[in-house]
Amino acid sequence: MSLTHRAALVPDARGPPDARGALVTHTNITARKLAELHADELANHDPLTGTLNRRGFSRRLHLELARRRRRQGGARCARSSRLR
């Protein structure tokens, strides 16, 4: 379950910085988080095969190259004009 929390001070009649208490609200955002994950899946994967599409592949490649740079590792790249 994903929650968001907000808090606000309830002012006292004497004004700031005195406070009578706090009002705290909790909102369940699980449905919104699931919708975001689903949208991300659709944006980065082919809906028929489930494999990475061009956007997803490019994103994954950049993340991997950045990870390799941080760890001083090497990476190999191959170019193919037949991939479409």
N, C-alpha and C. Protein backbone atom coordinates (compact mmCIF):
# COMPACT_ATOMS: atom_id res chain seq x y z
N MET A 1 0.84 -1.16 0.00
CA MET A 1 0.00 0.00 0.00
C MET A 1 0.90 1.24 0.00
N SER A 2 0.57 2.20 -0.83
CA SER A 2 1.30 3.48 -0.88
C SER A 2 0.44 4.56 -0.26
N LEU A 3 1.05 5.33 0.61
CA LEU A 3 0.33 6.41 1.29
C LEU A 3 1.09 7.71 1.13
N THR A 4 0.35 8.80 1.15
CA THR A 4 0.95 10.13 1.23
C THR A 4 0.44 10.76 2.52
N HIS A 5 1.30 11.48 3.18
CA HIS A 5 0.97 12.09 4.47
C HIS A 5 1.13 13.60 4.36
N ARG A 6 0.20 14.32 4.97
CA ARG A 6 0.28 15.78 5.05
C ARG A 6 -0.05 16.20 6.47
N ALA A 7 0.65 17.22 6.92
CA ALA A 7 0.40 17.73 8.27
C ALA A 7 0.35 19.25 8.22
N ALA A 8 -0.54 19.82 9.02
CA ALA A 8 -0.66 21.28 9.13
C ALA A 8 -0.93 21.63 10.59
N LEU A 9 -0.32 22.69 11.04
CA LEU A 9 -0.55 23.15 12.40
C LEU A 9 -1.91 23.83 12.51
N VAL A 10 -2.60 23.56 13.60
CA VAL A 10 -3.86 24.25 13.90
C VAL A 10 -3.48 25.41 14.81
N PRO A 11 -3.65 26.66 14.35
CA PRO A 11 -3.18 27.81 15.12
C PRO A 11 -3.98 28.03 16.40
N ASP A 12 -3.30 28.57 17.36
CA ASP A 12 -3.91 28.95 18.63
C ASP A 12 -4.43 30.39 18.48
N ALA A 13 -5.32 30.81 19.36
CA ALA A 13 -5.87 32.17 19.30
C ALA A 13 -4.78 33.22 19.48
N ARG A 14 -3.70 32.85 20.13
CA ARG A 14 -2.60 33.80 20.35
C ARG A 14 -1.75 33.99 19.10
N GLY A 15 -1.96 33.15 18.10
CA GLY A 15 -1.20 33.28 16.86
C GLY A 15 0.13 32.54 16.89
N PRO A 16 0.87 32.65 15.81
CA PRO A 16 2.15 31.94 15.72
C PRO A 16 3.11 32.45 16.78
N PRO A 17 4.00 31.71 17.31
CA PRO A 17 4.30 30.32 16.98
C PRO A 17 3.48 29.32 17.78
N ASP A 18 2.51 29.80 18.58
CA ASP A 18 1.68 28.89 19.37
C ASP A 18 0.74 28.12 18.46
N ALA A 19 0.56 26.86 18.79
CA ALA A 19 -0.35 26.02 18.01
C ALA A 19 -1.20 25.20 18.95
N ARG A 20 -2.45 25.01 18.58
CA ARG A 20 -3.38 24.23 19.37
C ARG A 20 -3.13 22.74 19.15
N GLY A 21 -2.67 22.39 17.96
CA GLY A 21 -2.43 20.99 17.63
C GLY A 21 -2.03 20.88 16.17
N ALA A 22 -2.18 19.69 15.64
CA ALA A 22 -1.84 19.45 14.24
C ALA A 22 -2.94 18.63 13.59
N LEU A 23 -3.17 18.91 12.33
CA LEU A 23 -4.12 18.15 11.53
C LEU A 23 -3.30 17.30 10.57
N VAL A 24 -3.45 15.99 10.65
CA VAL A 24 -2.68 15.07 9.81
C VAL A 24 -3.65 14.29 8.95
N THR A 25 -3.37 14.23 7.65
CA THR A 25 -4.20 13.43 6.73
C THR A 25 -3.32 12.39 6.05
N HIS A 26 -3.89 11.23 5.83
CA HIS A 26 -3.23 10.13 5.13
C HIS A 26 -4.11 9.79 3.93
N THR A 27 -3.50 9.70 2.76
CA THR A 27 -4.25 9.39 1.55
C THR A 27 -3.65 8.15 0.90
N ASN A 28 -4.50 7.18 0.58
CA ASN A 28 -4.06 5.97 -0.10
C ASN A 28 -3.89 6.27 -1.58
N ILE A 29 -2.67 6.15 -2.09
CA ILE A 29 -2.39 6.44 -3.51
C ILE A 29 -1.95 5.17 -4.25
N THR A 30 -2.35 4.01 -3.74
CA THR A 30 -1.97 2.75 -4.36
C THR A 30 -2.45 2.66 -5.79
N ALA A 31 -3.71 3.03 -6.05
CA ALA A 31 -4.26 2.95 -7.41
C ALA A 31 -3.49 3.85 -8.36
N ARG A 32 -3.12 5.04 -7.91
CA ARG A 32 -2.36 5.96 -8.76
C ARG A 32 -0.98 5.40 -9.07
N LYS A 33 -0.32 4.80 -8.07
CA LYS A 33 1.01 4.22 -8.29
C LYS A 33 0.94 3.04 -9.26
N LEU A 34 -0.09 2.22 -9.14
CA LEU A 34 -0.26 1.10 -10.07
C LEU A 34 -0.50 1.59 -11.49
N ALA A 35 -1.28 2.66 -11.64
CA ALA A 35 -1.53 3.24 -12.96
C ALA A 35 -0.24 3.80 -13.56
N GLU A 36 0.61 4.42 -12.73
CA GLU A 36 1.89 4.94 -13.21
C GLU A 36 2.80 3.80 -13.67
N LEU A 37 2.83 2.70 -12.92
CA LEU A 37 3.64 1.55 -13.32
C LEU A 37 3.14 0.96 -14.63
N HIS A 38 1.83 0.89 -14.79
CA HIS A 38 1.25 0.36 -16.03
C HIS A 38 1.58 1.26 -17.22
N ALA A 39 1.48 2.57 -17.03
CA ALA A 39 1.82 3.51 -18.10
C ALA A 39 3.29 3.41 -18.47
N ASP A 40 4.16 3.24 -17.48
CA ASP A 40 5.59 3.08 -17.74
C ASP A 40 5.85 1.79 -18.52
N GLU A 41 5.16 0.74 -18.16
CA GLU A 41 5.29 -0.54 -18.87
C GLU A 41 4.87 -0.39 -20.33
N LEU A 42 3.76 0.29 -20.57
CA LEU A 42 3.30 0.50 -21.94
C LEU A 42 4.25 1.38 -22.74
N ALA A 43 4.88 2.35 -22.08
CA ALA A 43 5.78 3.28 -22.77
C ALA A 43 7.10 2.63 -23.15
N ASN A 44 7.52 1.59 -22.43
CA ASN A 44 8.85 1.02 -22.63
C ASN A 44 8.86 -0.39 -23.20
N HIS A 45 7.71 -1.03 -23.33
CA HIS A 45 7.66 -2.41 -23.81
C HIS A 45 6.65 -2.55 -24.95
N ASP A 46 6.93 -3.49 -25.81
CA ASP A 46 6.01 -3.81 -26.89
C ASP A 46 4.81 -4.54 -26.28
N PRO A 47 3.59 -4.10 -26.56
CA PRO A 47 2.43 -4.72 -25.92
C PRO A 47 2.18 -6.17 -26.38
N LEU A 48 2.62 -6.52 -27.58
CA LEU A 48 2.39 -7.87 -28.09
C LEU A 48 3.39 -8.87 -27.53
N THR A 49 4.67 -8.52 -27.55
CA THR A 49 5.72 -9.46 -27.15
C THR A 49 6.23 -9.24 -25.73
N GLY A 50 6.05 -8.04 -25.20
CA GLY A 50 6.56 -7.74 -23.87
C GLY A 50 8.04 -7.40 -23.85
N THR A 51 8.68 -7.38 -25.01
CA THR A 51 10.10 -7.03 -25.07
C THR A 51 10.26 -5.51 -25.07
N LEU A 52 11.47 -5.06 -24.76
CA LEU A 52 11.74 -3.63 -24.75
C LEU A 52 11.55 -3.04 -26.14
N ASN A 53 10.89 -1.90 -26.22
CA ASN A 53 10.80 -1.19 -27.48
C ASN A 53 12.01 -0.26 -27.60
N ARG A 54 12.06 0.55 -28.63
CA ARG A 54 13.23 1.41 -28.84
C ARG A 54 13.45 2.36 -27.66
N ARG A 55 12.39 2.94 -27.16
CA ARG A 55 12.52 3.86 -26.01
C ARG A 55 13.02 3.13 -24.77
N GLY A 56 12.45 1.97 -24.51
CA GLY A 56 12.87 1.19 -23.35
C GLY A 56 14.30 0.70 -23.47
N PHE A 57 14.69 0.28 -24.67
CA PHE A 57 16.06 -0.18 -24.90
C PHE A 57 17.05 0.96 -24.69
N SER A 58 16.73 2.12 -25.24
CA SER A 58 17.62 3.27 -25.11
C SER A 58 17.75 3.68 -23.64
N ARG A 59 16.65 3.67 -22.93
CA ARG A 59 16.67 4.02 -21.51
C ARG A 59 17.52 3.03 -20.72
N ARG A 60 17.32 1.74 -20.98
CA ARG A 60 18.09 0.71 -20.28
C ARG A 60 19.57 0.79 -20.62
N LEU A 61 19.88 1.08 -21.89
CA LEU A 61 21.27 1.20 -22.32
C LEU A 61 21.97 2.35 -21.60
N HIS A 62 21.30 3.51 -21.52
CA HIS A 62 21.90 4.66 -20.84
C HIS A 62 22.10 4.39 -19.35
N LEU A 63 21.16 3.72 -18.72
CA LEU A 63 21.30 3.37 -17.31
C LEU A 63 22.48 2.43 -17.10
N GLU A 64 22.61 1.45 -17.98
CA GLU A 64 23.71 0.48 -17.86
C GLU A 64 25.06 1.14 -18.11
N LEU A 65 25.14 2.01 -19.10
CA LEU A 65 26.40 2.70 -19.38
C LEU A 65 26.79 3.60 -18.21
N ALA A 66 25.83 4.26 -17.60
CA ALA A 66 26.12 5.10 -16.44
C ALA A 66 26.60 4.25 -15.27
N ARG A 67 25.99 3.09 -15.09
CA ARG A 67 26.40 2.18 -14.02
C ARG A 67 27.82 1.69 -14.27
N ARG A 68 28.14 1.36 -15.51
CA ARG A 68 29.49 0.90 -15.85
C ARG A 68 30.52 1.99 -15.61
N ARG A 69 30.17 3.24 -15.94
CA ARG A 69 31.09 4.35 -15.72
C ARG A 69 31.39 4.53 -14.24
N ARG A 70 30.36 4.40 -13.41
CA ARG A 70 30.55 4.56 -11.96
C ARG A 70 31.46 3.47 -11.41
N ARG A 71 31.37 2.27 -11.96
CA ARG A 71 32.15 1.14 -11.46
C ARG A 71 33.42 0.91 -12.27
N GLN A 72 33.74 1.81 -13.15
CA GLN A 72 34.95 1.72 -13.97
C GLN A 72 34.97 0.44 -14.81
N GLY A 73 33.81 -0.02 -15.22
CA GLY A 73 33.74 -1.22 -16.04
C GLY A 73 33.65 -0.88 -17.51
N GLY A 74 33.83 -1.86 -18.32
CA GLY A 74 33.74 -1.66 -19.76
C GLY A 74 32.38 -2.08 -20.28
N ALA A 75 32.10 -1.66 -21.47
CA ALA A 75 30.85 -2.04 -22.12
C ALA A 75 31.10 -2.16 -23.61
N ARG A 76 30.41 -3.08 -24.24
CA ARG A 76 30.53 -3.26 -25.67
C ARG A 76 29.20 -2.90 -26.32
N CYS A 77 29.29 -2.24 -27.45
CA CYS A 77 28.09 -1.87 -28.19
C CYS A 77 28.23 -2.38 -29.61
N ALA A 78 27.15 -2.83 -30.15
CA ALA A 78 27.12 -3.26 -31.54
C ALA A 78 26.02 -2.49 -32.24
N ARG A 79 26.25 -2.14 -33.48
CA ARG A 79 25.26 -1.39 -34.23
C ARG A 79 24.69 -2.29 -35.32
N SER A 80 23.41 -2.29 -35.42
CA SER A 80 22.76 -3.07 -36.46
C SER A 80 21.68 -2.21 -37.10
N SER A 81 21.79 -2.03 -38.39
CA SER A 81 20.79 -1.23 -39.09
C SER A 81 19.55 -2.06 -39.40
N ARG A 82 19.58 -3.35 -39.11
CA ARG A 82 18.43 -4.21 -39.39
C ARG A 82 17.40 -4.22 -38.27
N LEU A 83 17.75 -3.66 -37.12
CA LEU A 83 16.78 -3.59 -36.02
C LEU A 83 15.78 -2.48 -36.30
N ARG A 84 14.54 -2.81 -36.28
CA ARG A 84 13.49 -1.82 -36.53
C ARG A 84 12.34 -2.04 -35.60
